[in-house]
Amino acid sequence: MSRNSKTGALALAFAAAAASGAAQAETMRIAHGFPAQSIVDDTFKVLAQHVEDNTDLDTEVFALTVLDLKQASPGLTSGVADSTMLLTAYFPNEFSEQNFVADLTMVANLGARPASIGATVGGALMEYVTMHCPECVRQNLAQNQIGLAFAPGSQFSLLCREPASSVEDIEGRAVRGPVSIFRRWAEAMGASPITISANEVFDGLNQGLVDCTINAIGEMSNLSLFDVVGGITPGMPGGTFGGSGIGQLNLDFWLSLDMEEREAVARGMSEATAFMVTAYVKQEVLDLETAREKGIEIVEADAALRDATEAFIRDDVETIKSIYRDDFRLDDVDGKVDTFLALLEKWKKLTNELDPTDTEALAELFWTEIHSKLDLETYGLN
């Protein structure tokens, strides 16, 4: 049965089991660096339940006790866990190919905005990594891993001590950006970009060290921000965190599975990804309702701020290309961007036809368009 670990000492047992070799798996061990009963934890429980319902494998889900976020990749590589949530931005060199396209999420908002940016970006990322990026596969292989799924959240928004709806409102403010692209946006708008961890956001806002944080609105409840935020600007600057690798697996575990078990895991990834994407949409609705009840102002960005943001997005594509070409030595950055942007448009059209909260329909779309098309006998091995 799926359960949460109550002791980090299990990591030692996991390591010993990993050292014994890649025998036929009997248990799928899932360890992630998020709290129990969080959206991520619930997502992995969806995966675990699907695997148990469709195979003879047992599953175990360990929340925050075996691997933290910075241990996720080395822990997966060494076999401490069979599956984890990998935030690829924590490992810029190891996963530079995936991080490259994950930095392009704001481009999804050019033209008509997607009904669900998580569904659009998630579909585009999964299709790109699994079907169009042999370099991504090779980087995963170098870490003894394979990647099956990405589950971005909802549109990033300004969560501020005081309402901010214009460039003038943002100028001079200390704005926390979760990754570099959002810090560049803050600087372009005349703000002072701040780098602090998510765990420090509450104190930063409470003490006045940070004026705004750029996060999904659902983080209002996840980070307990209702008492320190006075204004929310939905969808500004927009974009999302693309490097949320919910479907990262240990390669030895994958090789130990027969074809029916691999298909069950792949189908479970479609379901888990859809669950997480739609859960963030639902959480945003709930958190906006709570914010209004608490008297927090919900303001819309004015036309000048929207125009300035669109201009930044277009210009920043070239900045992203330069960073990954010059600093990470990626080849054919122009061609890779063209491929990914075409996939964003494809997935915007596919997902705009769905209710953004319809988990079942999104899971079926991910399965039909991506995971069902993979050759599970050879995927991730060359």
Protein backbone atom coordinates (compact mmCIF):
# COMPACT_ATOMS: atom_id res chain seq x y z
CA MET A 1 0.00 0.00 0.00
CA SER A 2 1.13 3.60 -0.57
CA ARG A 3 2.32 5.25 2.59
CA ASN A 4 4.49 8.08 3.83
CA SER A 5 7.80 7.34 5.48
CA LYS A 6 8.24 8.37 9.07
CA THR A 7 12.01 8.10 9.23
CA GLY A 8 14.90 9.20 7.05
CA ALA A 9 16.74 6.07 8.11
CA LEU A 10 14.91 4.30 5.30
CA ALA A 11 17.38 5.95 2.93
CA LEU A 12 20.06 3.59 4.19
CA ALA A 13 17.87 0.59 3.48
CA PHE A 14 17.13 1.95 0.02
CA ALA A 15 20.82 2.39 -0.74
CA ALA A 16 21.55 -1.16 0.36
CA ALA A 17 18.77 -2.47 -1.85
CA ALA A 18 20.11 -0.48 -4.80
CA ALA A 19 23.55 -2.01 -4.31
CA SER A 20 22.14 -5.52 -4.62
CA GLY A 21 21.61 -5.16 -8.38
CA ALA A 22 18.76 -4.66 -10.84
CA ALA A 23 16.61 -7.69 -10.11
CA GLN A 24 12.95 -7.83 -11.08
CA ALA A 25 11.27 -5.02 -9.17
CA GLU A 26 8.62 -5.93 -6.62
CA THR A 27 8.10 -2.47 -5.16
CA MET A 28 8.13 0.99 -6.74
CA ARG A 29 9.74 3.35 -4.24
CA ILE A 30 8.71 6.97 -4.75
CA ALA A 31 10.51 9.65 -2.72
CA HIS A 32 9.98 13.39 -3.21
CA GLY A 33 11.00 16.60 -1.47
CA PHE A 34 7.56 18.07 -0.77
CA PRO A 35 5.42 17.90 2.38
CA ALA A 36 2.87 15.18 2.95
CA GLN A 37 -0.65 16.06 1.74
CA SER A 38 0.70 18.66 -0.70
CA ILE A 39 -0.40 18.68 -4.34
CA VAL A 40 2.86 16.96 -5.30
CA ASP A 41 2.35 14.27 -2.66
CA ASP A 42 -1.22 13.69 -3.81
CA THR A 43 0.06 13.50 -7.40
CA PHE A 44 2.45 10.69 -6.59
CA LYS A 45 -0.32 8.86 -4.75
CA VAL A 46 -2.33 8.95 -7.99
CA LEU A 47 0.64 7.41 -9.80
CA ALA A 48 1.12 4.80 -7.08
CA GLN A 49 -2.54 3.81 -7.09
CA HIS A 50 -2.56 3.36 -10.86
CA VAL A 51 0.56 1.18 -10.72
CA GLU A 52 -0.89 -0.97 -7.94
CA ASP A 53 -4.24 -1.32 -9.73
CA ASN A 54 -2.63 -2.42 -13.00
CA THR A 55 0.43 -4.47 -11.99
CA ASP A 56 1.60 -6.81 -9.25
CA LEU A 57 3.98 -4.13 -7.98
CA ASP A 58 3.63 -2.67 -4.52
CA THR A 59 4.32 1.05 -4.10
CA GLU A 60 5.66 3.25 -1.35
CA VAL A 61 5.43 7.06 -1.32
CA PHE A 62 7.84 8.94 0.95
CA ALA A 63 7.20 12.66 1.38
CA LEU A 64 10.23 14.81 2.28
CA THR A 65 11.80 12.21 4.56
CA VAL A 66 14.14 10.32 2.21
CA LEU A 67 15.12 12.90 -0.44
CA ASP A 68 14.91 16.67 -0.39
CA LEU A 69 14.78 18.68 -3.61
CA LYS A 70 18.55 19.05 -3.93
CA GLN A 71 19.06 15.32 -3.31
CA ALA A 72 16.49 14.27 -5.90
CA SER A 73 18.80 13.71 -8.85
CA PRO A 74 21.77 12.06 -7.09
CA GLY A 75 19.36 10.00 -5.01
CA LEU A 76 17.58 8.78 -8.11
CA THR A 77 20.86 8.09 -9.90
CA SER A 78 22.13 5.89 -7.06
CA GLY A 79 18.84 4.04 -6.64
CA VAL A 80 17.81 5.53 -3.30
CA ALA A 81 14.41 5.87 -4.99
CA ASP A 82 12.83 4.56 -8.18
CA SER A 83 10.86 7.72 -8.93
CA THR A 84 11.03 11.33 -7.77
CA MET A 85 10.01 14.91 -8.53
CA LEU A 86 13.03 16.46 -10.25
CA LEU A 87 13.24 20.25 -10.42
CA THR A 88 15.69 20.45 -13.30
CA ALA A 89 16.69 24.06 -12.54
CA TYR A 90 18.46 22.75 -9.42
CA PHE A 91 20.83 20.89 -11.76
CA PRO A 92 21.68 23.38 -14.52
CA ASN A 93 24.57 21.50 -16.09
CA GLU A 94 23.21 17.96 -15.88
CA PHE A 95 19.87 18.87 -17.50
CA SER A 96 20.76 21.91 -19.62
CA GLU A 97 18.87 20.63 -22.67
CA GLN A 98 15.59 20.38 -20.76
CA ASN A 99 16.18 23.62 -18.85
CA PHE A 100 16.68 25.43 -22.16
CA VAL A 101 13.12 24.87 -23.35
CA ALA A 102 11.71 25.05 -19.80
CA ASP A 103 12.89 28.67 -19.72
CA LEU A 104 10.59 29.49 -22.65
CA THR A 105 7.27 29.11 -20.81
CA MET A 106 6.35 32.81 -21.02
CA VAL A 107 6.25 32.50 -24.82
CA ALA A 108 3.04 30.48 -24.45
CA ASN A 109 1.28 33.76 -23.59
CA LEU A 110 2.13 35.51 -26.87
CA GLY A 111 -1.00 35.91 -28.93
CA ALA A 112 -4.04 34.37 -27.29
CA ARG A 113 -3.27 33.08 -23.81
CA PRO A 114 -3.78 29.35 -23.23
CA ALA A 115 -6.79 28.21 -21.22
CA SER A 116 -4.33 26.32 -19.00
CA ILE A 117 -0.65 27.20 -19.24
CA GLY A 118 0.21 24.10 -17.22
CA ALA A 119 -1.51 21.82 -19.72
CA THR A 120 -0.02 23.65 -22.70
CA VAL A 121 3.54 23.79 -21.41
CA GLY A 122 3.34 20.32 -19.86
CA GLY A 123 2.24 18.74 -23.12
CA ALA A 124 4.84 20.63 -25.15
CA LEU A 125 7.65 19.77 -22.74
CA MET A 126 6.75 16.09 -22.56
CA GLU A 127 6.47 15.74 -26.33
CA TYR A 128 9.71 17.66 -26.89
CA VAL A 129 11.77 15.70 -24.36
CA THR A 130 10.43 12.26 -25.25
CA MET A 131 10.12 12.60 -29.04
CA HIS A 132 12.24 15.49 -30.34
CA CYS A 133 15.29 15.77 -28.11
CA PRO A 134 17.83 12.93 -28.26
CA GLU A 135 20.19 15.20 -26.33
CA CYS A 136 17.68 15.24 -23.46
CA VAL A 137 17.60 11.45 -23.47
CA ARG A 138 21.39 11.30 -23.42
CA GLN A 139 21.61 13.68 -20.49
CA ASN A 140 19.11 11.56 -18.59
CA LEU A 141 21.06 8.41 -19.44
CA ALA A 142 24.24 10.01 -18.11
CA GLN A 143 22.46 10.29 -14.75
CA ASN A 144 21.12 6.70 -14.89
CA GLN A 145 17.62 8.12 -15.38
CA ILE A 146 14.80 8.40 -17.88
CA GLY A 147 12.24 11.21 -18.06
CA LEU A 148 8.59 10.63 -18.84
CA ALA A 149 6.59 13.62 -17.60
CA PHE A 150 6.53 17.31 -16.66
CA ALA A 151 3.71 18.93 -14.68
CA PRO A 152 3.88 22.76 -14.59
CA GLY A 153 1.50 24.77 -12.43
CA SER A 154 -0.77 27.70 -13.25
CA GLN A 155 0.12 31.19 -14.50
CA PHE A 156 2.68 33.05 -12.41
CA SER A 157 1.27 36.20 -10.83
CA LEU A 158 2.41 39.12 -8.70
CA LEU A 159 1.67 38.54 -5.01
CA CYS A 160 2.48 41.88 -3.37
CA ARG A 161 2.33 43.70 -0.06
CA GLU A 162 0.45 46.46 -1.92
CA PRO A 163 -1.46 46.20 -5.22
CA ALA A 164 0.60 46.60 -8.39
CA SER A 165 -1.08 47.10 -11.75
CA SER A 166 1.36 49.30 -13.70
CA VAL A 167 5.03 49.64 -14.53
CA GLU A 168 5.11 52.64 -12.19
CA ASP A 169 3.78 50.47 -9.35
CA ILE A 170 6.58 47.96 -9.89
CA GLU A 171 9.47 50.39 -10.40
CA GLY A 172 11.83 50.48 -7.44
CA ARG A 173 10.17 47.58 -5.66
CA ALA A 174 12.01 44.49 -4.44
CA VAL A 175 10.54 41.64 -6.49
CA ARG A 176 11.38 38.01 -5.81
CA GLY A 177 11.66 35.84 -8.92
CA PRO A 178 11.79 32.04 -8.58
CA VAL A 179 14.14 31.53 -11.56
CA SER A 180 16.32 33.79 -13.67
CA ILE A 181 13.82 34.62 -16.41
CA PHE A 182 11.43 36.18 -13.91
CA ARG A 183 14.24 38.13 -12.26
CA ARG A 184 15.15 39.49 -15.70
CA TRP A 185 11.53 40.54 -16.18
CA ALA A 186 11.52 42.33 -12.83
CA GLU A 187 14.71 44.19 -13.75
CA ALA A 188 13.27 45.13 -17.15
CA MET A 189 10.25 46.64 -15.37
CA GLY A 190 12.53 48.77 -13.18
CA ALA A 191 12.30 46.63 -10.06
CA SER A 192 15.12 45.24 -7.93
CA PRO A 193 15.18 41.46 -8.46
CA ILE A 194 15.51 39.40 -5.27
CA THR A 195 16.65 35.79 -4.93
CA ILE A 196 15.30 33.94 -1.90
CA SER A 197 13.90 30.45 -1.49
CA ALA A 198 10.19 29.71 -1.37
CA ASN A 199 10.52 28.94 2.34
CA GLU A 200 11.72 32.52 2.94
CA VAL A 201 8.93 34.28 1.05
CA PHE A 202 6.58 34.69 4.02
CA ASP A 203 9.25 36.27 6.23
CA GLY A 204 10.51 38.43 3.37
CA LEU A 205 7.06 39.89 2.72
CA ASN A 206 6.22 40.13 6.42
CA GLN A 207 9.41 42.06 7.23
CA GLY A 208 9.20 44.30 4.17
CA LEU A 209 12.41 42.95 2.66
CA VAL A 210 10.39 41.82 -0.37
CA ASP A 211 7.59 43.89 -1.90
CA CYS A 212 6.31 41.25 -4.33
CA THR A 213 6.90 37.62 -5.13
CA ILE A 214 6.26 36.01 -8.50
CA ASN A 215 4.42 32.75 -7.91
CA ALA A 216 1.34 30.79 -8.89
CA ILE A 217 -1.69 32.06 -6.99
CA GLY A 218 -2.06 28.61 -5.44
CA GLU A 219 1.07 29.34 -3.40
CA MET A 220 -1.02 31.74 -1.32
CA SER A 221 -2.23 28.75 0.65
CA ASN A 222 0.83 26.54 0.14
CA LEU A 223 3.13 29.24 1.58
CA SER A 224 0.55 30.72 4.02
CA LEU A 225 0.72 34.20 2.46
CA PHE A 226 -2.80 35.49 3.12
CA ASP A 227 -1.68 37.61 6.09
CA VAL A 228 1.25 39.27 4.29
CA VAL A 229 -0.13 39.90 0.77
CA GLY A 230 -2.28 42.96 0.11
CA GLY A 231 -2.66 42.71 -3.65
CA ILE A 232 -2.67 40.06 -6.37
CA THR A 233 -2.16 40.74 -10.08
CA PRO A 234 -3.34 37.53 -11.79
CA GLY A 235 -1.32 36.30 -14.75
CA MET A 236 1.31 39.03 -14.54
CA PRO A 237 4.02 38.43 -15.63
CA GLY A 238 2.61 35.02 -16.59
CA GLY A 239 4.54 31.94 -17.55
CA THR A 240 5.12 29.04 -15.20
CA PHE A 241 7.89 26.84 -13.82
CA GLY A 242 8.68 24.45 -16.65
CA GLY A 243 11.30 22.27 -15.02
CA SER A 244 8.93 20.25 -12.85
CA GLY A 245 9.94 16.70 -13.77
CA ILE A 246 7.21 14.65 -12.13
CA GLY A 247 8.03 11.61 -14.27
CA GLN A 248 11.70 11.03 -13.51
CA LEU A 249 12.66 7.37 -13.04
CA ASN A 250 15.77 5.41 -12.10
CA LEU A 251 16.98 3.60 -15.22
CA ASP A 252 17.74 0.32 -13.43
CA PHE A 253 14.20 0.26 -12.07
CA TRP A 254 12.80 0.88 -15.56
CA LEU A 255 14.92 -1.92 -17.03
CA SER A 256 13.65 -4.33 -14.38
CA LEU A 257 10.03 -3.87 -15.53
CA ASP A 258 8.36 -6.04 -18.13
CA MET A 259 6.44 -4.39 -20.98
CA GLU A 260 3.06 -4.51 -19.21
CA GLU A 261 4.56 -2.87 -16.14
CA ARG A 262 6.24 -0.18 -18.22
CA GLU A 263 2.95 0.59 -19.93
CA ALA A 264 1.21 0.84 -16.56
CA VAL A 265 3.86 3.24 -15.28
CA ALA A 266 3.67 5.33 -18.46
CA ARG A 267 -0.13 5.46 -18.31
CA GLY A 268 0.13 6.34 -14.63
CA MET A 269 2.40 9.24 -15.57
CA SER A 270 -0.29 10.59 -17.91
CA GLU A 271 -2.82 10.43 -15.10
CA ALA A 272 -0.51 11.87 -12.45
CA THR A 273 0.56 14.76 -14.68
CA ALA A 274 -3.03 15.64 -15.49
CA PHE A 275 -3.92 15.46 -11.81
CA MET A 276 -1.18 17.88 -10.81
CA VAL A 277 -1.85 20.37 -13.61
CA THR A 278 -5.58 20.53 -12.91
CA ALA A 279 -5.05 20.57 -9.13
CA TYR A 280 -3.13 23.83 -9.43
CA VAL A 281 -5.93 25.34 -11.52
CA LYS A 282 -8.48 24.35 -8.89
CA GLN A 283 -6.26 25.65 -6.07
CA GLU A 284 -5.97 29.02 -7.81
CA VAL A 285 -9.75 29.39 -7.88
CA LEU A 286 -10.00 28.56 -4.17
CA ASP A 287 -7.17 30.90 -3.21
CA LEU A 288 -8.65 33.81 -5.16
CA GLU A 289 -11.95 33.29 -3.33
CA THR A 290 -10.16 33.26 0.02
CA ALA A 291 -8.16 36.36 -0.91
CA ARG A 292 -11.34 38.29 -1.72
CA GLU A 293 -12.91 37.20 1.55
CA LYS A 294 -9.86 38.50 3.42
CA GLY A 295 -9.99 41.87 1.67
CA ILE A 296 -6.94 41.35 -0.52
CA GLU A 297 -7.23 43.46 -3.68
CA ILE A 298 -7.33 41.58 -6.99
CA VAL A 299 -6.12 44.01 -9.67
CA GLU A 300 -5.62 43.68 -13.41
CA ALA A 301 -2.42 44.74 -15.12
CA ASP A 302 -2.91 47.86 -17.22
CA ALA A 303 -2.27 47.98 -20.96
CA ALA A 304 1.19 49.53 -20.64
CA LEU A 305 2.38 46.78 -18.28
CA ARG A 306 0.95 44.10 -20.57
CA ASP A 307 2.67 45.66 -23.59
CA ALA A 308 5.98 45.99 -21.75
CA THR A 309 5.77 42.36 -20.68
CA GLU A 310 5.04 41.16 -24.22
CA ALA A 311 8.03 43.13 -25.52
CA PHE A 312 10.21 41.59 -22.82
CA ILE A 313 9.09 38.06 -23.72
CA ARG A 314 9.95 38.54 -27.39
CA ASP A 315 13.36 40.03 -26.62
CA ASP A 316 14.21 37.51 -23.92
CA VAL A 317 13.99 34.57 -26.32
CA GLU A 318 17.26 35.80 -27.82
CA THR A 319 18.74 36.20 -24.33
CA ILE A 320 17.84 32.61 -23.49
CA LYS A 321 19.41 31.39 -26.73
CA SER A 322 22.63 33.26 -25.95
CA ILE A 323 22.82 31.91 -22.40
CA TYR A 324 22.45 28.29 -23.43
CA ARG A 325 24.64 28.60 -26.52
CA ASP A 326 27.49 30.45 -24.78
CA ASP A 327 27.35 29.24 -21.16
CA PHE A 328 26.11 25.68 -21.66
CA ARG A 329 27.48 25.03 -25.15
CA LEU A 330 24.19 23.80 -26.60
CA ASP A 331 24.08 23.22 -30.34
CA ASP A 332 21.40 24.39 -32.80
CA VAL A 333 19.60 26.65 -30.32
CA ASP A 334 17.62 28.30 -33.13
CA GLY A 335 16.30 24.98 -34.41
CA LYS A 336 15.44 23.77 -30.92
CA VAL A 337 13.53 26.94 -30.14
CA ASP A 338 11.61 26.67 -33.41
CA THR A 339 10.67 23.06 -32.61
CA PHE A 340 9.53 23.88 -29.09
CA LEU A 341 7.54 26.97 -30.05
CA ALA A 342 5.70 24.93 -32.68
CA LEU A 343 4.86 22.39 -29.97
CA LEU A 344 3.59 25.17 -27.71
CA GLU A 345 1.17 26.26 -30.44
CA LYS A 346 0.09 22.67 -31.06
CA TRP A 347 -0.60 22.07 -27.37
CA LYS A 348 -2.31 25.41 -26.91
CA LYS A 349 -4.84 24.36 -29.56
CA LEU A 350 -5.23 20.84 -28.13
CA THR A 351 -5.73 21.94 -24.53
CA ASN A 352 -7.87 25.00 -25.25
CA GLU A 353 -10.61 22.57 -26.26
CA LEU A 354 -10.70 21.13 -22.73
CA ASP A 355 -12.12 22.34 -19.44
CA PRO A 356 -8.94 23.36 -17.53
CA THR A 357 -10.19 21.41 -14.50
CA ASP A 358 -11.06 18.18 -16.37
CA THR A 359 -8.42 15.78 -15.09
CA GLU A 360 -9.73 12.73 -16.93
CA ALA A 361 -9.85 14.43 -20.34
CA LEU A 362 -6.35 15.85 -19.93
CA ALA A 363 -4.94 12.49 -18.85
CA GLU A 364 -6.43 10.86 -21.94
CA LEU A 365 -4.94 13.59 -24.14
CA PHE A 366 -1.46 13.13 -22.65
CA TRP A 367 -1.74 9.37 -23.11
CA THR A 368 -3.05 9.52 -26.68
CA GLU A 369 -0.63 12.18 -27.93
CA ILE A 370 2.52 11.23 -26.02
CA HIS A 371 2.93 8.21 -23.79
CA SER A 372 1.01 5.72 -25.94
CA LYS A 373 3.29 6.58 -28.88
CA LEU A 374 6.56 5.74 -27.12
CA ASP A 375 8.34 2.48 -27.89
CA LEU A 376 8.58 1.40 -24.27
CA GLU A 377 11.02 -1.38 -25.11
CA THR A 378 13.67 1.06 -26.28
CA TYR A 379 12.61 4.49 -24.97
CA GLY A 380 15.29 6.25 -22.96
CA LEU A 381 18.01 3.74 -23.80
CA ASN A 382 19.67 5.37 -26.81
